[in-house]
C-alpha atoms as a PDB file:
ATOM      1  CA  MET A   1      27.576 -42.585 -13.030  1.00  0.00           C
ATOM      2  CA  THR A   2      27.963 -46.021 -12.496  1.00  0.00           C
ATOM      3  CA  SER A   3      28.113 -48.636 -15.598  1.00  0.00           C
ATOM      4  CA  ARG A   4      25.542 -51.078 -16.076  1.00  0.00           C
ATOM      5  CA  PRO A   5      27.063 -54.797 -15.671  1.00  0.00           C
ATOM      6  CA  ALA A   6      27.560 -56.616 -18.471  1.00  0.00           C
ATOM      7  CA  LEU A   7      25.135 -59.843 -19.545  1.00  0.00           C
ATOM      8  CA  THR A   8      28.731 -61.806 -18.854  1.00  0.00           C
ATOM      9  CA  ASP A   9      29.262 -60.394 -15.694  1.00  0.00           C
ATOM     10  CA  PRO A  10      28.163 -63.040 -12.810  1.00  0.00           C
ATOM     11  CA  TRP A  11      25.698 -61.952  -9.983  1.00  0.00           C
ATOM     12  CA  GLU A  12      23.351 -63.349  -7.017  1.00  0.00           C
ATOM     13  CA  LEU A  13      20.166 -64.673  -6.789  1.00  0.00           C
ATOM     14  CA  ALA A  14      19.651 -65.255  -3.066  1.00  0.00           C
ATOM     15  CA  GLY A  15      22.814 -66.675  -2.619  1.00  0.00           C
ATOM     16  CA  LEU A  16      22.856 -68.626  -5.613  1.00  0.00           C
ATOM     17  CA  ARG A  17      25.927 -67.679  -7.833  1.00  0.00           C
ATOM     18  CA  LEU A  18      25.194 -67.326 -11.499  1.00  0.00           C
ATOM     19  CA  PRO A  19      28.134 -66.724 -14.364  1.00  0.00           C
ATOM     20  CA  ASN A  20      25.979 -64.598 -16.205  1.00  0.00           C
ATOM     21  CA  ARG A  21      22.641 -62.951 -16.945  1.00  0.00           C
ATOM     22  CA  VAL A  22      21.433 -64.452 -19.959  1.00  0.00           C
ATOM     23  CA  LEU A  23      18.788 -67.281 -18.608  1.00  0.00           C
ATOM     24  CA  LEU A  24      15.955 -69.911 -19.980  1.00  0.00           C
ATOM     25  CA  ALA A  25      12.990 -68.849 -20.038  1.00  0.00           C
ATOM     26  CA  PRO A  26      10.249 -71.288 -18.586  1.00  0.00           C
ATOM     27  CA  LEU A  27       8.708 -73.167 -21.873  1.00  0.00           C
ATOM     28  CA  ALA A  28       5.275 -74.697 -21.138  1.00  0.00           C
ATOM     29  CA  GLY A  29       5.010 -77.981 -23.137  1.00  0.00           C
ATOM     30  CA  ILE A  30       9.209 -77.280 -24.142  1.00  0.00           C
ATOM     31  CA  GLY A  31      11.128 -77.119 -21.221  1.00  0.00           C
ATOM     32  CA  ASN A  32      12.242 -80.641 -20.023  1.00  0.00           C
ATOM     33  CA  TRP A  33      15.886 -81.674 -19.016  1.00  0.00           C
ATOM     34  CA  PHE A  34      17.210 -82.271 -22.414  1.00  0.00           C
ATOM     35  CA  VAL A  35      15.876 -78.279 -23.880  1.00  0.00           C
ATOM     36  CA  ARG A  36      17.699 -76.822 -20.481  1.00  0.00           C
ATOM     37  CA  LEU A  37      20.777 -78.964 -21.005  1.00  0.00           C
ATOM     38  CA  GLN A  38      20.950 -77.620 -24.786  1.00  0.00           C
ATOM     39  CA  ALA A  39      20.776 -74.167 -23.173  1.00  0.00           C
ATOM     40  CA  ALA A  40      23.179 -74.886 -20.533  1.00  0.00           C
ATOM     41  CA  ARG A  41      25.658 -76.082 -23.467  1.00  0.00           C
ATOM     42  CA  HIS A  42      25.263 -72.517 -25.568  1.00  0.00           C
ATOM     43  CA  GLY A  43      26.133 -70.499 -22.000  1.00  0.00           C
ATOM     44  CA  ALA A  44      22.712 -69.767 -20.290  1.00  0.00           C
ATOM     45  CA  GLY A  45      23.222 -68.950 -16.665  1.00  0.00           C
ATOM     46  CA  MET A  46      19.988 -70.617 -15.493  1.00  0.00           C
ATOM     47  CA  ALA A  47      17.823 -72.634 -17.246  1.00  0.00           C
ATOM     48  CA  TYR A  48      14.099 -72.967 -15.950  1.00  0.00           C
ATOM     49  CA  SER A  49      11.667 -75.898 -16.287  1.00  0.00           C
ATOM     50  CA  GLU A  50       8.379 -76.169 -17.898  1.00  0.00           C
ATOM     51  CA  MET A  51       5.965 -75.217 -15.678  1.00  0.00           C
ATOM     52  CA  VAL A  52       4.364 -78.430 -13.601  1.00  0.00           C
ATOM     53  CA  SER A  53       1.489 -78.681 -11.508  1.00  0.00           C
ATOM     54  CA  SER A  54       1.813 -78.580  -7.892  1.00  0.00           C
ATOM     55  CA  PHE A  55      -1.503 -80.809  -7.627  1.00  0.00           C
ATOM     56  CA  ALA A  56       0.335 -83.333  -9.830  1.00  0.00           C
ATOM     57  CA  ILE A  57       3.003 -83.651  -7.317  1.00  0.00           C
ATOM     58  CA  HIS A  58       1.091 -83.392  -4.613  1.00  0.00           C
ATOM     59  CA  TYR A  59      -1.275 -86.251  -5.780  1.00  0.00           C
ATOM     60  CA  GLY A  60       1.472 -88.545  -6.791  1.00  0.00           C
ATOM     61  CA  ASN A  61       0.925 -88.130 -10.896  1.00  0.00           C
ATOM     62  CA  GLU A  62       3.542 -91.162 -12.384  1.00  0.00           C
ATOM     63  CA  ARG A  63       4.397 -88.661 -15.528  1.00  0.00           C
ATOM     64  CA  THR A  64       5.137 -85.692 -13.289  1.00  0.00           C
ATOM     65  CA  LEU A  65       7.479 -87.358 -11.006  1.00  0.00           C
ATOM     66  CA  THR A  66       9.517 -89.374 -13.444  1.00  0.00           C
ATOM     67  CA  GLU A  67       9.496 -86.991 -16.248  1.00  0.00           C
ATOM     68  CA  LEU A  68       8.855 -83.677 -15.778  1.00  0.00           C
ATOM     69  CA  LEU A  69      10.702 -83.507 -12.473  1.00  0.00           C
ATOM     70  CA  ARG A  70      14.028 -85.325 -14.088  1.00  0.00           C
ATOM     71  CA  VAL A  71      17.033 -83.300 -13.935  1.00  0.00           C
ATOM     72  CA  HIS A  72      19.972 -83.976 -15.829  1.00  0.00           C
ATOM     73  CA  PRO A  73      23.410 -83.883 -13.872  1.00  0.00           C
ATOM     74  CA  ASP A  74      24.642 -81.435 -16.101  1.00  0.00           C
ATOM     75  CA  GLU A  75      22.475 -78.690 -16.283  1.00  0.00           C
ATOM     76  CA  GLY A  76      23.955 -76.410 -14.435  1.00  0.00           C
ATOM     77  CA  PRO A  77      21.868 -74.063 -12.192  1.00  0.00           C
ATOM     78  CA  THR A  78      18.275 -75.052 -12.163  1.00  0.00           C
ATOM     79  CA  ALA A  79      14.844 -73.571 -11.621  1.00  0.00           C
ATOM     80  CA  LEU A  80      11.536 -76.085 -11.269  1.00  0.00           C
ATOM     81  CA  GLN A  81       8.455 -73.997 -12.439  1.00  0.00           C
ATOM     82  CA  LEU A  82       5.153 -74.671 -10.380  1.00  0.00           C
ATOM     83  CA  PHE A  83       1.602 -73.508 -10.693  1.00  0.00           C
ATOM     84  CA  GLY A  84      -1.631 -73.784  -8.677  1.00  0.00           C
ATOM     85  CA  GLN A  85      -3.241 -71.804  -6.742  1.00  0.00           C
ATOM     86  CA  ASP A  86      -3.913 -73.715  -3.232  1.00  0.00           C
ATOM     87  CA  PRO A  87      -1.402 -72.916  -0.770  1.00  0.00           C
ATOM     88  CA  GLU A  88      -1.451 -76.603   0.936  1.00  0.00           C
ATOM     89  CA  VAL A  89      -0.775 -78.294  -2.173  1.00  0.00           C
ATOM     90  CA  MET A  90       1.687 -76.167  -3.119  1.00  0.00           C
ATOM     91  CA  LYS A  91       3.734 -76.405   0.306  1.00  0.00           C
ATOM     92  CA  SER A  92       3.583 -79.838  -0.232  1.00  0.00           C
ATOM     93  CA  ALA A  93       4.468 -79.849  -3.919  1.00  0.00           C
ATOM     94  CA  ALA A  94       7.706 -77.688  -2.920  1.00  0.00           C
ATOM     95  CA  ALA A  95       8.720 -79.816   0.073  1.00  0.00           C
ATOM     96  CA  TYR A  96       8.561 -83.077  -2.243  1.00  0.00           C
ATOM     97  CA  VAL A  97      11.056 -80.978  -5.038  1.00  0.00           C
ATOM     98  CA  ALA A  98      12.963 -79.922  -2.044  1.00  0.00           C
ATOM     99  CA  GLU A  99      13.341 -83.884  -1.037  1.00  0.00           C
ATOM    100  CA  HIS A 100      13.478 -85.985  -4.052  1.00  0.00           C
ATOM    101  CA  VAL A 101      14.952 -83.866  -6.630  1.00  0.00           C
ATOM    102  CA  PRO A 102      18.105 -81.921  -5.022  1.00  0.00           C
ATOM    103  CA  GLN A 103      19.528 -80.777  -8.097  1.00  0.00           C
ATOM    104  CA  VAL A 104      16.688 -78.001  -8.185  1.00  0.00           C
ATOM    105  CA  ASP A 105      18.383 -74.654  -6.650  1.00  0.00           C
ATOM    106  CA  VAL A 106      15.196 -72.434  -6.861  1.00  0.00           C
ATOM    107  CA  ILE A 107      11.701 -72.919  -7.025  1.00  0.00           C
ATOM    108  CA  ASP A 108       9.892 -70.698  -9.455  1.00  0.00           C
ATOM    109  CA  LEU A 109       6.138 -69.783  -9.678  1.00  0.00           C
ATOM    110  CA  ASN A 110       4.267 -69.237 -12.783  1.00  0.00           C
ATOM    111  CA  MET A 111       1.610 -66.609 -12.036  1.00  0.00           C
ATOM    112  CA  GLY A 112       2.013 -65.233 -15.652  1.00  0.00           C
ATOM    113  CA  CYS A 113       0.409 -68.064 -18.185  1.00  0.00           C
ATOM    114  CA  PRO A 114      -2.646 -66.317 -20.046  1.00  0.00           C
ATOM    115  CA  VAL A 115      -4.253 -69.986 -20.905  1.00  0.00           C
ATOM    116  CA  PRO A 116      -7.306 -70.154 -20.106  1.00  0.00           C
ATOM    117  CA  LYS A 117      -7.195 -73.937 -18.838  1.00  0.00           C
ATOM    118  CA  VAL A 118      -4.409 -72.734 -16.337  1.00  0.00           C
ATOM    119  CA  CYS A 119      -6.804 -69.487 -15.336  1.00  0.00           C
ATOM    120  CA  LYS A 120      -9.986 -70.910 -15.005  1.00  0.00           C
ATOM    121  CA  THR A 121      -8.909 -73.079 -12.567  1.00  0.00           C
ATOM    122  CA  GLY A 122      -7.830 -69.845 -10.056  1.00  0.00           C
ATOM    123  CA  ALA A 123      -4.083 -70.186 -11.191  1.00  0.00           C
ATOM    124  CA  GLY A 124      -1.423 -68.279 -13.616  1.00  0.00           C
ATOM    125  CA  ALA A 125      -2.221 -65.082 -14.616  1.00  0.00           C
ATOM    126  CA  ALA A 126      -5.885 -65.501 -12.892  1.00  0.00           C
ATOM    127  CA  MET A 127      -3.233 -64.855  -9.919  1.00  0.00           C
ATOM    128  CA  LEU A 128      -2.971 -60.955 -10.428  1.00  0.00           C
ATOM    129  CA  LYS A 129      -6.772 -60.599  -9.776  1.00  0.00           C
ATOM    130  CA  ASP A 130      -6.509 -62.566  -6.566  1.00  0.00           C
ATOM    131  CA  PRO A 131      -3.051 -60.864  -4.493  1.00  0.00           C
ATOM    132  CA  ASP A 132      -3.855 -62.437  -1.118  1.00  0.00           C
ATOM    133  CA  THR A 133      -4.196 -65.877  -2.854  1.00  0.00           C
ATOM    134  CA  ALA A 134      -0.752 -64.870  -4.375  1.00  0.00           C
ATOM    135  CA  VAL A 135       0.842 -64.505  -1.534  1.00  0.00           C
ATOM    136  CA  ALA A 136      -0.158 -67.211   0.210  1.00  0.00           C
ATOM    137  CA  VAL A 137       1.158 -69.573  -2.431  1.00  0.00           C
ATOM    138  CA  ALA A 138       4.308 -68.254  -2.375  1.00  0.00           C
ATOM    139  CA  ARG A 139       4.700 -68.276   1.561  1.00  0.00           C
ATOM    140  CA  ALA A 140       3.612 -72.077   1.046  1.00  0.00           C
ATOM    141  CA  ALA A 141       6.102 -72.697  -1.639  1.00  0.00           C
ATOM    142  CA  ARG A 142       9.195 -70.952   0.285  1.00  0.00           C
ATOM    143  CA  GLU A 143       7.972 -72.780   3.922  1.00  0.00           C
ATOM    144  CA  GLY A 144       7.545 -76.312   1.696  1.00  0.00           C
ATOM    145  CA  SER A 145      10.741 -76.363   0.112  1.00  0.00           C
ATOM    146  CA  GLY A 146      13.135 -74.066   2.019  1.00  0.00           C
ATOM    147  CA  LYS A 147      14.473 -72.735  -1.144  1.00  0.00           C
ATOM    148  CA  PRO A 148      14.805 -69.559  -2.806  1.00  0.00           C
ATOM    149  CA  VAL A 149      11.108 -68.558  -4.495  1.00  0.00           C
ATOM    150  CA  THR A 150      11.103 -66.682  -7.432  1.00  0.00           C
ATOM    151  CA  VAL A 151       7.666 -65.408  -9.262  1.00  0.00           C
ATOM    152  CA  LYS A 152       7.200 -64.799 -12.853  1.00  0.00           C
ATOM    153  CA  LEU A 153       4.368 -62.607 -13.733  1.00  0.00           C
ATOM    154  CA  ARG A 154       2.966 -60.166 -16.596  1.00  0.00           C
ATOM    155  CA  SER A 155       2.029 -56.324 -16.029  1.00  0.00           C
ATOM    156  CA  GLY A 156      -1.899 -56.901 -15.832  1.00  0.00           C
ATOM    157  CA  SER A 157      -4.373 -58.852 -16.829  1.00  0.00           C
ATOM    158  CA  VAL A 158      -5.843 -56.222 -19.667  1.00  0.00           C
ATOM    159  CA  PRO A 159      -4.569 -54.189 -21.729  1.00  0.00           C
ATOM    160  CA  GLY A 160      -3.596 -50.836 -20.417  1.00  0.00           C
ATOM    161  CA  ASP A 161      -3.331 -51.871 -16.688  1.00  0.00           C
ATOM    162  CA  ARG A 162      -0.413 -50.710 -15.135  1.00  0.00           C
ATOM    163  CA  THR A 163      -0.440 -51.586 -11.726  1.00  0.00           C
ATOM    164  CA  SER A 164      -1.622 -55.006 -10.770  1.00  0.00           C
ATOM    165  CA  GLY A 165       1.580 -56.740 -11.633  1.00  0.00           C
ATOM    166  CA  ILE A 166       3.374 -53.603  -9.752  1.00  0.00           C
ATOM    167  CA  GLU A 167       1.247 -54.501  -6.802  1.00  0.00           C
ATOM    168  CA  LEU A 168       1.682 -57.733  -6.597  1.00  0.00           C
ATOM    169  CA  SER A 169       5.262 -57.926  -6.996  1.00  0.00           C
ATOM    170  CA  HIS A 170       6.458 -55.547  -4.206  1.00  0.00           C
ATOM    171  CA  ARG A 171       3.330 -57.851  -2.134  1.00  0.00           C
ATOM    172  CA  LEU A 172       5.409 -60.754  -2.973  1.00  0.00           C
ATOM    173  CA  VAL A 173       8.800 -59.875  -1.605  1.00  0.00           C
ATOM    174  CA  GLU A 174       7.255 -57.942   0.876  1.00  0.00           C
ATOM    175  CA  GLU A 175       4.894 -60.245   2.573  1.00  0.00           C
ATOM    176  CA  ALA A 176       6.699 -63.738   1.035  1.00  0.00           C
ATOM    177  CA  GLY A 177      10.044 -63.460   0.772  1.00  0.00           C
ATOM    178  CA  VAL A 178      10.130 -63.771  -2.857  1.00  0.00           C
ATOM    179  CA  SER A 179      13.994 -63.794  -3.992  1.00  0.00           C
ATOM    180  CA  ALA A 180      13.422 -62.416  -7.408  1.00  0.00           C
ATOM    181  CA  ILE A 181      10.743 -61.419 -10.031  1.00  0.00           C
ATOM    182  CA  THR A 182      10.620 -62.090 -13.558  1.00  0.00           C
ATOM    183  CA  PHE A 183       8.524 -59.679 -15.342  1.00  0.00           C
ATOM    184  CA  HIS A 184       6.788 -60.179 -18.717  1.00  0.00           C
ATOM    185  CA  PRO A 185       5.553 -56.500 -19.233  1.00  0.00           C
ATOM    186  CA  ARG A 186       2.415 -57.090 -21.333  1.00  0.00           C
ATOM    187  CA  SER A 187      -0.939 -58.109 -20.184  1.00  0.00           C
ATOM    188  CA  ALA A 188      -1.907 -61.921 -19.896  1.00  0.00           C
ATOM    189  CA  LYS A 189      -5.181 -60.615 -22.446  1.00  0.00           C
ATOM    190  CA  VAL A 190      -2.426 -60.306 -25.536  1.00  0.00           C
ATOM    191  CA  HIS A 191      -0.806 -63.081 -24.783  1.00  0.00           C
ATOM    192  CA  HIS A 192       2.739 -62.689 -27.034  1.00  0.00           C
ATOM    193  CA  LYS A 193       1.457 -59.875 -29.611  1.00  0.00           C
ATOM    194  CA  GLY A 194       2.116 -55.988 -29.162  1.00  0.00           C
ATOM    195  CA  VAL A 195       5.048 -54.476 -27.937  1.00  0.00           C
ATOM    196  CA  PRO A 196       6.199 -54.976 -24.282  1.00  0.00           C
ATOM    197  CA  ASP A 197       5.921 -51.576 -22.133  1.00  0.00           C
ATOM    198  CA  TYR A 198      10.219 -51.480 -21.136  1.00  0.00           C
ATOM    199  CA  ASP A 199       8.764 -48.116 -19.167  1.00  0.00           C
ATOM    200  CA  LEU A 200       7.246 -49.995 -17.155  1.00  0.00           C
ATOM    201  CA  ALA A 201       9.346 -52.846 -16.440  1.00  0.00           C
ATOM    202  CA  ALA A 202      11.954 -50.419 -15.528  1.00  0.00           C
ATOM    203  CA  GLU A 203       9.889 -48.791 -13.073  1.00  0.00           C
ATOM    204  CA  LEU A 204       9.912 -51.747 -11.710  1.00  0.00           C
ATOM    205  CA  VAL A 205      13.337 -52.343 -11.386  1.00  0.00           C
ATOM    206  CA  ALA A 206      13.740 -48.819  -9.646  1.00  0.00           C
ATOM    207  CA  SER A 207      11.210 -49.374  -7.286  1.00  0.00           C
ATOM    208  CA  LEU A 208      11.863 -53.500  -6.112  1.00  0.00           C
ATOM    209  CA  PRO A 209      14.365 -54.281  -3.325  1.00  0.00           C
ATOM    210  CA  VAL A 210      15.115 -57.690  -5.308  1.00  0.00           C
ATOM    211  CA  PRO A 211      16.549 -58.576  -8.719  1.00  0.00           C
ATOM    212  CA  VAL A 212      13.963 -58.206 -11.829  1.00  0.00           C
ATOM    213  CA  ILE A 213      14.999 -60.519 -14.625  1.00  0.00           C
ATOM    214  CA  LEU A 214      13.153 -59.138 -17.806  1.00  0.00           C
ATOM    215  CA  THR A 215      11.310 -61.385 -20.403  1.00  0.00           C
ATOM    216  CA  GLY A 216       9.201 -60.951 -23.510  1.00  0.00           C
ATOM    217  CA  GLY A 217       9.911 -59.859 -26.519  1.00  0.00           C
ATOM    218  CA  MET A 218      13.490 -60.225 -27.334  1.00  0.00           C
ATOM    219  CA  GLN A 219      13.925 -62.405 -30.373  1.00  0.00           C
ATOM    220  CA  SER A 220      17.501 -61.015 -31.650  1.00  0.00           C
ATOM    221  CA  VAL A 221      20.710 -59.845 -29.474  1.00  0.00           C
ATOM    222  CA  GLU A 222      19.657 -56.221 -30.569  1.00  0.00           C
ATOM    223  CA  GLU A 223      16.345 -56.409 -29.055  1.00  0.00           C
ATOM    224  CA  VAL A 224      17.898 -58.381 -26.243  1.00  0.00           C
ATOM    225  CA  GLN A 225      20.738 -55.556 -25.482  1.00  0.00           C
ATOM    226  CA  ALA A 226      18.194 -52.646 -25.950  1.00  0.00           C
ATOM    227  CA  ALA A 227      15.837 -53.902 -23.626  1.00  0.00           C
ATOM    228  CA  TYR A 228      18.167 -54.845 -20.333  1.00  0.00           C
ATOM    229  CA  GLU A 229      20.150 -51.689 -20.833  1.00  0.00           C
ATOM    230  CA  HIS A 230      16.717 -49.539 -20.884  1.00  0.00           C
ATOM    231  CA  THR A 231      15.341 -51.370 -18.306  1.00  0.00           C
ATOM    232  CA  GLY A 232      18.227 -51.713 -15.579  1.00  0.00           C
ATOM    233  CA  ALA A 233      16.876 -55.516 -15.522  1.00  0.00           C
ATOM    234  CA  ALA A 234      19.157 -57.920 -13.389  1.00  0.00           C
ATOM    235  CA  ALA A 235      18.978 -60.513 -16.315  1.00  0.00           C
ATOM    236  CA  VAL A 236      17.328 -61.313 -19.489  1.00  0.00           C
ATOM    237  CA  MET A 237      15.238 -64.387 -19.961  1.00  0.00           C
ATOM    238  CA  LEU A 238      14.602 -65.923 -23.437  1.00  0.00           C
ATOM    239  CA  ALA A 239      11.859 -67.505 -24.465  1.00  0.00           C
ATOM    240  CA  ARG A 240      10.473 -67.738 -28.144  1.00  0.00           C
ATOM    241  CA  GLY A 241      13.622 -66.047 -29.320  1.00  0.00           C
ATOM    242  CA  SER A 242      15.801 -69.214 -28.434  1.00  0.00           C
ATOM    243  CA  LEU A 243      13.578 -71.782 -29.533  1.00  0.00           C
ATOM    244  CA  GLY A 244      15.722 -73.727 -32.355  1.00  0.00           C
ATOM    245  CA  ASN A 245      18.276 -71.012 -31.855  1.00  0.00           C
ATOM    246  CA  PRO A 246      20.507 -71.587 -28.831  1.00  0.00           C
ATOM    247  CA  TRP A 247      23.143 -69.851 -30.742  1.00  0.00           C
ATOM    248  CA  LEU A 248      21.422 -66.681 -29.002  1.00  0.00           C
ATOM    249  CA  PHE A 249      22.970 -67.034 -25.694  1.00  0.00           C
ATOM    250  CA  GLU A 250      26.222 -67.436 -27.407  1.00  0.00           C
ATOM    251  CA  GLN A 251      25.946 -64.384 -29.356  1.00  0.00           C
ATOM    252  CA  LEU A 252      24.588 -62.407 -26.384  1.00  0.00           C
ATOM    253  CA  LEU A 253      27.789 -63.835 -24.314  1.00  0.00           C
ATOM    254  CA  GLY A 254      30.416 -63.059 -27.079  1.00  0.00           C
ATOM    255  CA  LEU A 255      31.359 -66.423 -27.364  1.00  0.00           C
ATOM    256  CA  ARG A 256      30.333 -66.416 -31.115  1.00  0.00           C
ATOM    257  CA  SER A 257      29.667 -63.460 -33.664  1.00  0.00           C
ATOM    258  CA  GLY A 258      27.956 -64.408 -36.543  1.00  0.00           C
ATOM    259  CA  ASP A 259      25.050 -67.289 -37.030  1.00  0.00           C
ATOM    260  CA  PRO A 260      25.702 -71.034 -37.474  1.00  0.00           C
ATOM    261  CA  GLU A 261      26.113 -72.939 -40.634  1.00  0.00           C
ATOM    262  CA  THR A 262      24.261 -75.458 -42.007  1.00  0.00           C
ATOM    263  CA  ASP A 263      26.500 -78.155 -40.892  1.00  0.00           C
ATOM    264  CA  GLU A 264      25.977 -76.833 -37.249  1.00  0.00           C
ATOM    265  CA  ILE A 265      22.561 -76.587 -37.380  1.00  0.00           C
ATOM    266  CA  LEU A 266      21.976 -80.333 -38.419  1.00  0.00           C
ATOM    267  CA  THR A 267      24.369 -81.436 -35.474  1.00  0.00           C
ATOM    268  CA  GLU A 268      22.360 -79.442 -33.294  1.00  0.00           C
ATOM    269  CA  TRP A 269      19.202 -80.982 -34.915  1.00  0.00           C
ATOM    270  CA  HIS A 270      20.913 -84.774 -34.307  1.00  0.00           C
ATOM    271  CA  TRP A 271      21.703 -83.848 -30.704  1.00  0.00           C
ATOM    272  CA  ILE A 272      17.879 -83.102 -30.059  1.00  0.00           C
ATOM    273  CA  LEU A 273      16.517 -86.141 -32.067  1.00  0.00           C
ATOM    274  CA  ASP A 274      19.046 -88.149 -29.772  1.00  0.00           C
ATOM    275  CA  ARG A 275      18.083 -86.915 -26.386  1.00  0.00           C
ATOM    276  CA  ALA A 276      14.157 -87.230 -27.833  1.00  0.00           C
ATOM    277  CA  GLU A 277      14.939 -90.561 -27.859  1.00  0.00           C
ATOM    278  CA  GLU A 278      16.565 -91.302 -24.615  1.00  0.00           C
ATOM    279  CA  HIS A 279      13.834 -89.380 -22.768  1.00  0.00           C
ATOM    280  CA  LEU A 280      10.497 -90.668 -24.455  1.00  0.00           C
ATOM    281  CA  GLY A 281      11.814 -93.647 -26.746  1.00  0.00           C
ATOM    282  CA  SER A 282      11.425 -93.734 -30.382  1.00  0.00           C
ATOM    283  CA  GLU A 283       7.720 -93.690 -31.106  1.00  0.00           C
ATOM    284  CA  ARG A 284       6.987 -90.982 -28.314  1.00  0.00           C
ATOM    285  CA  GLY A 285       9.760 -89.185 -28.899  1.00  0.00           C
ATOM    286  CA  GLY A 286       9.027 -89.139 -32.625  1.00  0.00           C
ATOM    287  CA  ARG A 287       5.413 -87.800 -31.823  1.00  0.00           C
ATOM    288  CA  TYR A 288       6.871 -85.132 -29.243  1.00  0.00           C
ATOM    289  CA  LEU A 289       9.315 -83.912 -31.669  1.00  0.00           C
ATOM    290  CA  ARG A 290       6.567 -82.356 -34.327  1.00  0.00           C
ATOM    291  CA  LYS A 291       6.610 -79.000 -32.111  1.00  0.00           C
ATOM    292  CA  PHE A 292      10.564 -79.259 -32.157  1.00  0.00           C
ATOM    293  CA  HIS A 293      10.982 -79.735 -35.908  1.00  0.00           C
ATOM    294  CA  PRO A 294       9.145 -76.071 -37.192  1.00  0.00           C
ATOM    295  CA  TRP A 295      12.701 -73.994 -35.854  1.00  0.00           C
ATOM    296  CA  TYR A 296      14.886 -75.996 -37.230  1.00  0.00           C
ATOM    297  CA  VAL A 297      13.202 -76.285 -40.854  1.00  0.00           C
ATOM    298  CA  GLU A 298      13.246 -72.249 -40.400  1.00  0.00           C
ATOM    299  CA  ARG A 299      16.572 -71.713 -39.148  1.00  0.00           C
ATOM    300  CA  LEU A 300      17.806 -73.827 -42.340  1.00  0.00           C
ATOM    301  CA  ASP A 301      15.482 -72.388 -44.829  1.00  0.00           C
ATOM    302  CA  ALA A 302      14.820 -75.571 -46.093  1.00  0.00           C
ATOM    303  CA  GLY A 303      10.757 -74.797 -47.141  1.00  0.00           C
ATOM    304  CA  LYS A 304       7.611 -76.245 -47.238  1.00  0.00           C
ATOM    305  CA  ASP A 305       8.223 -79.603 -48.000  1.00  0.00           C
ATOM    306  CA  LEU A 306      10.790 -80.583 -45.564  1.00  0.00           C
ATOM    307  CA  HIS A 307       8.225 -79.248 -43.027  1.00  0.00           C
ATOM    308  CA  THR A 308       5.726 -81.501 -44.617  1.00  0.00           C
ATOM    309  CA  LEU A 309       7.830 -84.155 -44.769  1.00  0.00           C
ATOM    310  CA  MET A 310       8.889 -83.816 -40.957  1.00  0.00           C
ATOM    311  CA  GLN A 311       5.218 -83.493 -39.686  1.00  0.00           C
ATOM    312  CA  GLN A 312       4.332 -86.585 -40.783  1.00  0.00           C
ATOM    313  CA  THR A 313       7.516 -88.305 -39.321  1.00  0.00           C
ATOM    314  CA  SER A 314       5.944 -90.750 -36.350  1.00  0.00           C
ATOM    315  CA  SER A 315       9.294 -91.899 -34.938  1.00  0.00           C
ATOM    316  CA  VAL A 316      12.958 -90.499 -34.143  1.00  0.00           C
ATOM    317  CA  ALA A 317      14.068 -93.212 -36.541  1.00  0.00           C
ATOM    318  CA  GLU A 318      12.318 -91.980 -39.336  1.00  0.00           C
ATOM    319  CA  ALA A 319      12.953 -88.147 -38.279  1.00  0.00           C
ATOM    320  CA  ARG A 320      16.742 -89.222 -38.259  1.00  0.00           C
ATOM    321  CA  ALA A 321      16.500 -90.701 -41.837  1.00  0.00           C
ATOM    322  CA  ALA A 322      14.594 -87.482 -43.123  1.00  0.00           C
ATOM    323  CA  ILE A 323      17.037 -85.285 -41.863  1.00  0.00           C
ATOM    324  CA  ASP A 324      19.935 -87.168 -43.103  1.00  0.00           C
ATOM    325  CA  ALA A 325      18.189 -87.534 -46.604  1.00  0.00           C
ATOM    326  CA  TYR A 326      18.319 -83.959 -46.504  1.00  0.00           C
ATOM    327  CA  ALA A 327      21.423 -83.310 -45.673  1.00  0.00           C
ATOM    328  CA  ALA A 328      22.340 -85.648 -48.611  1.00  0.00           C
ATOM    329  CA  SER A 329      20.847 -83.713 -50.928  1.00  0.00           C
ATOM    330  CA  LEU A 330      22.676 -80.728 -50.060  1.00  0.00           C
ATOM    331  CA  LEU A 331      26.054 -82.503 -50.765  1.00  0.00           C
ATOM    332  CA  ALA A 332      24.351 -83.747 -54.136  1.00  0.00           C
ATOM    333  CA  ALA A 333      23.369 -79.958 -54.871  1.00  0.00           C
END
């Protein structure tokens, strides 16, 4: 019996050699360059960007081109996730990325986002109901970019649908030349609720001739390892479980055994503040970071008062001062 590769083992994705099998998922509204860089610092074998509109790239939206397409030179292997339902627009956007953001190694396509404002345009998880368009979009991305294309999708549109995602995966590989499938074995309808169908993921792994990357429902080391072994996936992709917890990458890769100490968490939190200020400036960065603060407050088990205070900060400078005051209170206790 052949043993499974370890999560620490290198592997190849369309000729791209990745150092391990633990990846950072595309996190909508979160996965900018410094979040990806953070994952890389803690050992992630590859990081995916937040989803970016192919239309915004095609029509030259300034914020998209200057902020969402930014890649830091130290990120390591990087995938840029695009979404959109128009093949010609996707081809144009993918070509732009290939020409202007050469650090991007892989183009990933979002065909799994369940958010209504995305689905109502025919993009995201809506593509499960329109496989012909999905195939055309994937083919256009590959032709436009000349880069490997991967697709992230769900098992189906509604609970009980165990065929849409499987069938579309095969068509994307056979007809569009997709290099890998990232599979979230929950329906779009349930978002992140319910138990992922890892048996279905195992069926896809067994039947698909390209790598399957598993995502969804993995919050702890034990859950990740169990799902990886059960499904036979080529790699795992950490999403919500890594928010405010980049140390999960290290734990899965055998780089640490325990949870981070308080000083490590505070240092990491400050690192995030510094990068957000570099990216957006103090005021915009301060507002943007309000979605980040709860992860670190919870990891520190710091309670409601600090959570409330952090949500009231309006700049990176204010956030930094609040964290420093909290750290000082710990020392004085």
